[in-house]
Amino acid sequence: MSTTVASRIAPSKAVNPHDAALEGTLERHPYLRNRNLRFESRDGRVILRGKVNSYYQKVMAQEIVRRLEGVDVIENQLEVTWS
């Protein structure tokens, strides 16, 4: 299983091109950048983890991942903090 952290602080830990594409897509999105999101990917399954400020951001992250080639299943475990 591959685990990657998309963050404004941590350097990329992506180990395969699919993870690098996923990380880059999340970091570039204006509603999600600087959000310290994490994901795990394996065999077409992506698990999203971390904290976001709204339900909209949670859904937006899932929809961004859904558009990527090779993603078959998304488990959205993002927590909405409402801060």
PDB file of N, CA and C in Angstrom:
ATOM      1  N   MET A   1       0.846  -1.165   0.000  1.00  0.00           N
ATOM      2  CA  MET A   1       0.000   0.000   0.000  1.00  0.00           C
ATOM      3  C   MET A   1       0.894   1.230   0.000  1.00  0.00           C
ATOM      4  N   SER A   2       0.535   2.187  -0.783  1.00  0.00           N
ATOM      5  CA  SER A   2       1.297   3.410  -0.889  1.00  0.00           C
ATOM      6  C   SER A   2       0.603   4.511  -0.109  1.00  0.00           C
ATOM      7  N   THR A   3       1.338   5.229   0.734  1.00  0.00           N
ATOM      8  CA  THR A   3       0.787   6.328   1.511  1.00  0.00           C
ATOM      9  C   THR A   3       1.510   7.599   1.131  1.00  0.00           C
ATOM     10  N   THR A   4       0.756   8.649   0.866  1.00  0.00           N
ATOM     11  CA  THR A   4       1.336   9.911   0.457  1.00  0.00           C
ATOM     12  C   THR A   4       0.698  11.041   1.234  1.00  0.00           C
ATOM     13  N   VAL A   5       1.478  12.051   1.551  1.00  0.00           N
ATOM     14  CA  VAL A   5       0.984  13.223   2.257  1.00  0.00           C
ATOM     15  C   VAL A   5       1.030  14.405   1.311  1.00  0.00           C
ATOM     16  N   ALA A   6      -0.101  15.079   1.139  1.00  0.00           N
ATOM     17  CA  ALA A   6      -0.157  16.301   0.345  1.00  0.00           C
ATOM     18  C   ALA A   6      -0.252  17.450   1.333  1.00  0.00           C
ATOM     19  N   SER A   7       0.778  18.244   1.436  1.00  0.00           N
ATOM     20  CA  SER A   7       0.827  19.280   2.451  1.00  0.00           C
ATOM     21  C   SER A   7       1.670  20.446   1.989  1.00  0.00           C
ATOM     22  N   ARG A   8       1.425  21.602   2.562  1.00  0.00           N
ATOM     23  CA  ARG A   8       2.249  22.757   2.227  1.00  0.00           C
ATOM     24  C   ARG A   8       3.618  22.667   2.887  1.00  0.00           C
ATOM     25  N   ILE A   9       3.789  21.766   3.848  1.00  0.00           N
ATOM     26  CA  ILE A   9       5.045  21.655   4.588  1.00  0.00           C
ATOM     27  C   ILE A   9       5.852  20.431   4.175  1.00  0.00           C
ATOM     28  N   ALA A  10       5.227  19.278   4.186  1.00  0.00           N
ATOM     29  CA  ALA A  10       5.944  18.026   3.929  1.00  0.00           C
ATOM     30  C   ALA A  10       6.293  17.874   2.457  1.00  0.00           C
ATOM     31  N   PRO A  11       7.506  17.411   2.159  1.00  0.00           N
ATOM     32  CA  PRO A  11       7.870  17.134   0.767  1.00  0.00           C
ATOM     33  C   PRO A  11       7.109  15.936   0.244  1.00  0.00           C
ATOM     34  N   SER A  12       7.071  15.802  -1.070  1.00  0.00           N
ATOM     35  CA  SER A  12       6.364  14.696  -1.705  1.00  0.00           C
ATOM     36  C   SER A  12       6.990  13.370  -1.310  1.00  0.00           C
ATOM     37  N   LYS A  13       6.140  12.406  -1.011  1.00  0.00           N
ATOM     38  CA  LYS A  13       6.588  11.050  -0.716  1.00  0.00           C
ATOM     39  C   LYS A  13       6.031  10.077  -1.754  1.00  0.00           C
ATOM     40  N   ALA A  14       5.529  10.608  -2.843  1.00  0.00           N
ATOM     41  CA  ALA A  14       4.921   9.761  -3.869  1.00  0.00           C
ATOM     42  C   ALA A  14       5.953   8.809  -4.448  1.00  0.00           C
ATOM     43  N   VAL A  15       5.562   7.529  -4.570  1.00  0.00           N
ATOM     44  CA  VAL A  15       6.497   6.522  -5.046  1.00  0.00           C
ATOM     45  C   VAL A  15       6.155   6.007  -6.432  1.00  0.00           C
ATOM     46  N   ASN A  16       4.992   6.324  -6.956  1.00  0.00           N
ATOM     47  CA  ASN A  16       4.664   5.902  -8.306  1.00  0.00           C
ATOM     48  C   ASN A  16       3.956   7.043  -9.030  1.00  0.00           C
ATOM     49  N   PRO A  17       3.921   6.996 -10.340  1.00  0.00           N
ATOM     50  CA  PRO A  17       3.335   8.106 -11.110  1.00  0.00           C
ATOM     51  C   PRO A  17       1.883   8.399 -10.752  1.00  0.00           C
ATOM     52  N   HIS A  18       1.096   7.359 -10.466  1.00  0.00           N
ATOM     53  CA  HIS A  18      -0.302   7.568 -10.089  1.00  0.00           C
ATOM     54  C   HIS A  18      -0.392   8.396  -8.810  1.00  0.00           C
ATOM     55  N   ASP A  19       0.430   8.072  -7.804  1.00  0.00           N
ATOM     56  CA  ASP A  19       0.426   8.824  -6.555  1.00  0.00           C
ATOM     57  C   ASP A  19       0.882  10.263  -6.784  1.00  0.00           C
ATOM     58  N   ALA A  20       1.873  10.441  -7.636  1.00  0.00           N
ATOM     59  CA  ALA A  20       2.354  11.792  -7.924  1.00  0.00           C
ATOM     60  C   ALA A  20       1.262  12.621  -8.589  1.00  0.00           C
ATOM     61  N   ALA A  21       0.500  12.024  -9.486  1.00  0.00           N
ATOM     62  CA  ALA A  21      -0.596  12.736 -10.150  1.00  0.00           C
ATOM     63  C   ALA A  21      -1.680  13.095  -9.146  1.00  0.00           C
ATOM     64  N   LEU A  22      -2.012  12.184  -8.263  1.00  0.00           N
ATOM     65  CA  LEU A  22      -3.027  12.430  -7.251  1.00  0.00           C
ATOM     66  C   LEU A  22      -2.595  13.538  -6.301  1.00  0.00           C
ATOM     67  N   GLU A  23      -1.370  13.463  -5.828  1.00  0.00           N
ATOM     68  CA  GLU A  23      -0.850  14.480  -4.921  1.00  0.00           C
ATOM     69  C   GLU A  23      -0.835  15.852  -5.592  1.00  0.00           C
ATOM     70  N   GLY A  24      -0.346  15.922  -6.812  1.00  0.00           N
ATOM     71  CA  GLY A  24      -0.277  17.190  -7.531  1.00  0.00           C
ATOM     72  C   GLY A  24      -1.644  17.787  -7.774  1.00  0.00           C
ATOM     73  N   THR A  25      -2.611  16.941  -8.106  1.00  0.00           N
ATOM     74  CA  THR A  25      -3.970  17.414  -8.360  1.00  0.00           C
ATOM     75  C   THR A  25      -4.578  18.015  -7.096  1.00  0.00           C
ATOM     76  N   LEU A  26      -4.405  17.373  -5.959  1.00  0.00           N
ATOM     77  CA  LEU A  26      -4.945  17.893  -4.708  1.00  0.00           C
ATOM     78  C   LEU A  26      -4.246  19.184  -4.289  1.00  0.00           C
ATOM     79  N   GLU A  27      -2.929  19.258  -4.467  1.00  0.00           N
ATOM     80  CA  GLU A  27      -2.186  20.450  -4.066  1.00  0.00           C
ATOM     81  C   GLU A  27      -2.507  21.667  -4.925  1.00  0.00           C
ATOM     82  N   ARG A  28      -2.823  21.454  -6.193  1.00  0.00           N
ATOM     83  CA  ARG A  28      -3.089  22.569  -7.099  1.00  0.00           C
ATOM     84  C   ARG A  28      -4.505  23.125  -6.999  1.00  0.00           C
ATOM     85  N   HIS A  29      -5.423  22.374  -6.441  1.00  0.00           N
ATOM     86  CA  HIS A  29      -6.810  22.817  -6.409  1.00  0.00           C
ATOM     87  C   HIS A  29      -6.970  23.994  -5.435  1.00  0.00           C
ATOM     88  N   PRO A  30      -7.583  25.103  -5.875  1.00  0.00           N
ATOM     89  CA  PRO A  30      -7.661  26.300  -5.032  1.00  0.00           C
ATOM     90  C   PRO A  30      -8.418  26.108  -3.717  1.00  0.00           C
ATOM     91  N   TYR A  31      -9.392  25.213  -3.667  1.00  0.00           N
ATOM     92  CA  TYR A  31     -10.142  24.996  -2.434  1.00  0.00           C
ATOM     93  C   TYR A  31      -9.470  24.000  -1.493  1.00  0.00           C
ATOM     94  N   LEU A  32      -8.445  23.315  -1.967  1.00  0.00           N
ATOM     95  CA  LEU A  32      -7.836  22.258  -1.162  1.00  0.00           C
ATOM     96  C   LEU A  32      -6.366  22.492  -0.848  1.00  0.00           C
ATOM     97  N   ARG A  33      -5.725  23.442  -1.501  1.00  0.00           N
ATOM     98  CA  ARG A  33      -4.306  23.642  -1.219  1.00  0.00           C
ATOM     99  C   ARG A  33      -4.134  24.095   0.227  1.00  0.00           C
ATOM    100  N   ASN A  34      -3.005  23.756   0.797  1.00  0.00           N
ATOM    101  CA  ASN A  34      -2.668  24.076   2.187  1.00  0.00           C
ATOM    102  C   ASN A  34      -3.605  23.407   3.194  1.00  0.00           C
ATOM    103  N   ARG A  35      -4.082  22.218   2.879  1.00  0.00           N
ATOM    104  CA  ARG A  35      -5.044  21.529   3.733  1.00  0.00           C
ATOM    105  C   ARG A  35      -4.484  20.301   4.453  1.00  0.00           C
ATOM    106  N   ASN A  36      -3.253  19.935   4.289  1.00  0.00           N
ATOM    107  CA  ASN A  36      -2.682  18.758   4.964  1.00  0.00           C
ATOM    108  C   ASN A  36      -3.527  17.499   4.760  1.00  0.00           C
ATOM    109  N   LEU A  37      -3.844  17.222   3.518  1.00  0.00           N
ATOM    110  CA  LEU A  37      -4.593  16.019   3.185  1.00  0.00           C
ATOM    111  C   LEU A  37      -3.629  14.852   3.011  1.00  0.00           C
ATOM    112  N   ARG A  38      -4.094  13.671   3.353  1.00  0.00           N
ATOM    113  CA  ARG A  38      -3.302  12.458   3.167  1.00  0.00           C
ATOM    114  C   ARG A  38      -4.128  11.480   2.345  1.00  0.00           C
ATOM    115  N   PHE A  39      -3.450  10.604   1.664  1.00  0.00           N
ATOM    116  CA  PHE A  39      -4.167   9.542   0.966  1.00  0.00           C
ATOM    117  C   PHE A  39      -3.330   8.287   0.923  1.00  0.00           C
ATOM    118  N   GLU A  40      -4.027   7.176   0.808  1.00  0.00           N
ATOM    119  CA  GLU A  40      -3.398   5.882   0.582  1.00  0.00           C
ATOM    120  C   GLU A  40      -3.994   5.344  -0.705  1.00  0.00           C
ATOM    121  N   SER A  41      -3.160   4.726  -1.515  1.00  0.00           N
ATOM    122  CA  SER A  41      -3.681   4.147  -2.757  1.00  0.00           C
ATOM    123  C   SER A  41      -3.095   2.767  -2.976  1.00  0.00           C
ATOM    124  N   ARG A  42      -3.962   1.907  -3.494  1.00  0.00           N
ATOM    125  CA  ARG A  42      -3.535   0.536  -3.807  1.00  0.00           C
ATOM    126  C   ARG A  42      -4.582  -0.106  -4.697  1.00  0.00           C
ATOM    127  N   ASP A  43      -4.143  -0.644  -5.795  1.00  0.00           N
ATOM    128  CA  ASP A  43      -5.008  -1.412  -6.693  1.00  0.00           C
ATOM    129  C   ASP A  43      -6.289  -0.667  -7.077  1.00  0.00           C
ATOM    130  N   GLY A  44      -6.182   0.616  -7.389  1.00  0.00           N
ATOM    131  CA  GLY A  44      -7.339   1.390  -7.820  1.00  0.00           C
ATOM    132  C   GLY A  44      -8.205   1.918  -6.698  1.00  0.00           C
ATOM    133  N   ARG A  45      -7.822   1.671  -5.466  1.00  0.00           N
ATOM    134  CA  ARG A  45      -8.580   2.146  -4.301  1.00  0.00           C
ATOM    135  C   ARG A  45      -7.815   3.289  -3.649  1.00  0.00           C
ATOM    136  N   VAL A  46      -8.501   4.392  -3.376  1.00  0.00           N
ATOM    137  CA  VAL A  46      -7.888   5.556  -2.735  1.00  0.00           C
ATOM    138  C   VAL A  46      -8.641   5.864  -1.451  1.00  0.00           C
ATOM    139  N   ILE A  47      -7.908   6.036  -0.352  1.00  0.00           N
ATOM    140  CA  ILE A  47      -8.483   6.430   0.924  1.00  0.00           C
ATOM    141  C   ILE A  47      -7.999   7.847   1.215  1.00  0.00           C
ATOM    142  N   LEU A  48      -8.929   8.776   1.367  1.00  0.00           N
ATOM    143  CA  LEU A  48      -8.609  10.162   1.694  1.00  0.00           C
ATOM    144  C   LEU A  48      -8.722  10.361   3.196  1.00  0.00           C
ATOM    145  N   ARG A  49      -7.721  11.032   3.792  1.00  0.00           N
ATOM    146  CA  ARG A  49      -7.730  11.320   5.233  1.00  0.00           C
ATOM    147  C   ARG A  49      -7.234  12.740   5.448  1.00  0.00           C
ATOM    148  N   GLY A  50      -7.587  13.296   6.572  1.00  0.00           N
ATOM    149  CA  GLY A  50      -7.154  14.639   6.923  1.00  0.00           C
ATOM    150  C   GLY A  50      -8.342  15.464   7.377  1.00  0.00           C
ATOM    151  N   LYS A  51      -8.121  16.787   7.463  1.00  0.00           N
ATOM    152  CA  LYS A  51      -9.165  17.693   7.930  1.00  0.00           C
ATOM    153  C   LYS A  51      -9.388  18.793   6.911  1.00  0.00           C
ATOM    154  N   VAL A  52     -10.645  19.124   6.707  1.00  0.00           N
ATOM    155  CA  VAL A  52     -11.034  20.223   5.832  1.00  0.00           C
ATOM    156  C   VAL A  52     -12.002  21.111   6.604  1.00  0.00           C
ATOM    157  N   ASN A  53     -12.241  22.324   6.086  1.00  0.00           N
ATOM    158  CA  ASN A  53     -13.063  23.297   6.805  1.00  0.00           C
ATOM    159  C   ASN A  53     -14.545  23.242   6.463  1.00  0.00           C
ATOM    160  N   SER A  54     -14.929  22.478   5.457  1.00  0.00           N
ATOM    161  CA  SER A  54     -16.344  22.434   5.074  1.00  0.00           C
ATOM    162  C   SER A  54     -16.679  21.117   4.384  1.00  0.00           C
ATOM    163  N   TYR A  55     -17.973  20.836   4.368  1.00  0.00           N
ATOM    164  CA  TYR A  55     -18.441  19.653   3.658  1.00  0.00           C
ATOM    165  C   TYR A  55     -18.153  19.791   2.162  1.00  0.00           C
ATOM    166  N   TYR A  56     -18.246  21.017   1.660  1.00  0.00           N
ATOM    167  CA  TYR A  56     -17.948  21.282   0.247  1.00  0.00           C
ATOM    168  C   TYR A  56     -16.528  20.831  -0.091  1.00  0.00           C
ATOM    169  N   GLN A  57     -15.548  21.160   0.754  1.00  0.00           N
ATOM    170  CA  GLN A  57     -14.164  20.748   0.505  1.00  0.00           C
ATOM    171  C   GLN A  57     -14.029  19.232   0.541  1.00  0.00           C
ATOM    172  N   LYS A  58     -14.749  18.581   1.434  1.00  0.00           N
ATOM    173  CA  LYS A  58     -14.707  17.121   1.523  1.00  0.00           C
ATOM    174  C   LYS A  58     -15.197  16.496   0.219  1.00  0.00           C
ATOM    175  N   VAL A  59     -16.334  16.975  -0.276  1.00  0.00           N
ATOM    176  CA  VAL A  59     -16.896  16.449  -1.516  1.00  0.00           C
ATOM    177  C   VAL A  59     -16.013  16.816  -2.706  1.00  0.00           C
ATOM    178  N   MET A  60     -15.472  18.026  -2.716  1.00  0.00           N
ATOM    179  CA  MET A  60     -14.612  18.473  -3.816  1.00  0.00           C
ATOM    180  C   MET A  60     -13.382  17.574  -3.926  1.00  0.00           C
ATOM    181  N   ALA A  61     -12.771  17.227  -2.813  1.00  0.00           N
ATOM    182  CA  ALA A  61     -11.602  16.339  -2.845  1.00  0.00           C
ATOM    183  C   ALA A  61     -11.967  14.995  -3.460  1.00  0.00           C
ATOM    184  N   GLN A  62     -13.107  14.465  -3.074  1.00  0.00           N
ATOM    185  CA  GLN A  62     -13.551  13.176  -3.610  1.00  0.00           C
ATOM    186  C   GLN A  62     -13.798  13.262  -5.112  1.00  0.00           C
ATOM    187  N   GLU A  63     -14.430  14.323  -5.564  1.00  0.00           N
ATOM    188  CA  GLU A  63     -14.730  14.459  -6.989  1.00  0.00           C
ATOM    189  C   GLU A  63     -13.462  14.656  -7.830  1.00  0.00           C
ATOM    190  N   ILE A  64     -12.483  15.332  -7.271  1.00  0.00           N
ATOM    191  CA  ILE A  64     -11.203  15.504  -7.969  1.00  0.00           C
ATOM    192  C   ILE A  64     -10.533  14.144  -8.161  1.00  0.00           C
ATOM    193  N   VAL A  65     -10.521  13.340  -7.114  1.00  0.00           N
ATOM    194  CA  VAL A  65      -9.907  12.009  -7.175  1.00  0.00           C
ATOM    195  C   VAL A  65     -10.679  11.115  -8.149  1.00  0.00           C
ATOM    196  N   ARG A  66     -11.990  11.227  -8.157  1.00  0.00           N
ATOM    197  CA  ARG A  66     -12.831  10.397  -9.020  1.00  0.00           C
ATOM    198  C   ARG A  66     -12.461  10.561 -10.492  1.00  0.00           C
ATOM    199  N   ARG A  67     -12.017  11.749 -10.899  1.00  0.00           N
ATOM    200  CA  ARG A  67     -11.695  12.036 -12.299  1.00  0.00           C
ATOM    201  C   ARG A  67     -10.358  11.437 -12.752  1.00  0.00           C
ATOM    202  N   LEU A  68      -9.532  11.002 -11.821  1.00  0.00           N
ATOM    203  CA  LEU A  68      -8.218  10.485 -12.183  1.00  0.00           C
ATOM    204  C   LEU A  68      -8.308   9.072 -12.743  1.00  0.00           C
ATOM    205  N   GLU A  69      -7.530   8.830 -13.769  1.00  0.00           N
ATOM    206  CA  GLU A  69      -7.484   7.507 -14.389  1.00  0.00           C
ATOM    207  C   GLU A  69      -6.927   6.485 -13.411  1.00  0.00           C
ATOM    208  N   GLY A  70      -7.544   5.321 -13.388  1.00  0.00           N
ATOM    209  CA  GLY A  70      -7.058   4.232 -12.549  1.00  0.00           C
ATOM    210  C   GLY A  70      -7.682   4.176 -11.168  1.00  0.00           C
ATOM    211  N   VAL A  71      -8.540   5.149 -10.827  1.00  0.00           N
ATOM    212  CA  VAL A  71      -9.205   5.144  -9.527  1.00  0.00           C
ATOM    213  C   VAL A  71     -10.562   4.471  -9.688  1.00  0.00           C
ATOM    214  N   ASP A  72     -10.752   3.366  -8.970  1.00  0.00           N
ATOM    215  CA  ASP A  72     -11.998   2.613  -9.047  1.00  0.00           C
ATOM    216  C   ASP A  72     -12.872   2.803  -7.813  1.00  0.00           C
ATOM    217  N   VAL A  73     -12.237   2.938  -6.633  1.00  0.00           N
ATOM    218  CA  VAL A  73     -12.962   3.052  -5.368  1.00  0.00           C
ATOM    219  C   VAL A  73     -12.358   4.198  -4.566  1.00  0.00           C
ATOM    220  N   ILE A  74     -13.224   5.026  -3.975  1.00  0.00           N
ATOM    221  CA  ILE A  74     -12.761   6.121  -3.118  1.00  0.00           C
ATOM    222  C   ILE A  74     -13.414   5.971  -1.759  1.00  0.00           C
ATOM    223  N   GLU A  75     -12.601   5.946  -0.723  1.00  0.00           N
ATOM    224  CA  GLU A  75     -13.097   5.931   0.647  1.00  0.00           C
ATOM    225  C   GLU A  75     -12.750   7.286   1.247  1.00  0.00           C
ATOM    226  N   ASN A  76     -13.747   8.127   1.429  1.00  0.00           N
ATOM    227  CA  ASN A  76     -13.533   9.494   1.888  1.00  0.00           C
ATOM    228  C   ASN A  76     -13.662   9.557   3.404  1.00  0.00           C
ATOM    229  N   GLN A  77     -12.518   9.599   4.091  1.00  0.00           N
ATOM    230  CA  GLN A  77     -12.482   9.688   5.544  1.00  0.00           C
ATOM    231  C   GLN A  77     -12.081  11.085   5.995  1.00  0.00           C
ATOM    232  N   LEU A  78     -12.231  12.077   5.136  1.00  0.00           N
ATOM    233  CA  LEU A  78     -11.902  13.445   5.513  1.00  0.00           C
ATOM    234  C   LEU A  78     -12.841  13.924   6.610  1.00  0.00           C
ATOM    235  N   GLU A  79     -12.280  14.623   7.588  1.00  0.00           N
ATOM    236  CA  GLU A  79     -13.046  15.137   8.713  1.00  0.00           C
ATOM    237  C   GLU A  79     -13.312  16.624   8.516  1.00  0.00           C
ATOM    238  N   VAL A  80     -14.564  17.039   8.664  1.00  0.00           N
ATOM    239  CA  VAL A  80     -14.929  18.460   8.568  1.00  0.00           C
ATOM    240  C   VAL A  80     -14.810  19.061   9.960  1.00  0.00           C
ATOM    241  N   THR A  81     -13.967  20.115  10.080  1.00  0.00           N
ATOM    242  CA  THR A  81     -13.709  20.704  11.396  1.00  0.00           C
ATOM    243  C   THR A  81     -14.519  21.968  11.668  1.00  0.00           C
ATOM    244  N   TRP A  82     -15.103  22.594  10.649  1.00  0.00           N
ATOM    245  CA  TRP A  82     -15.931  23.793  10.791  1.00  0.00           C
ATOM    246  C   TRP A  82     -15.246  24.912  11.551  1.00  0.00           C
ATOM    247  N   SER A  83     -13.937  25.044  11.433  1.00  0.00           N
ATOM    248  CA  SER A  83     -13.239  26.110  12.167  1.00  0.00           C
ATOM    249  C   SER A  83     -13.087  27.368  11.373  1.00  0.00           C
TER     250      SER A  83
END
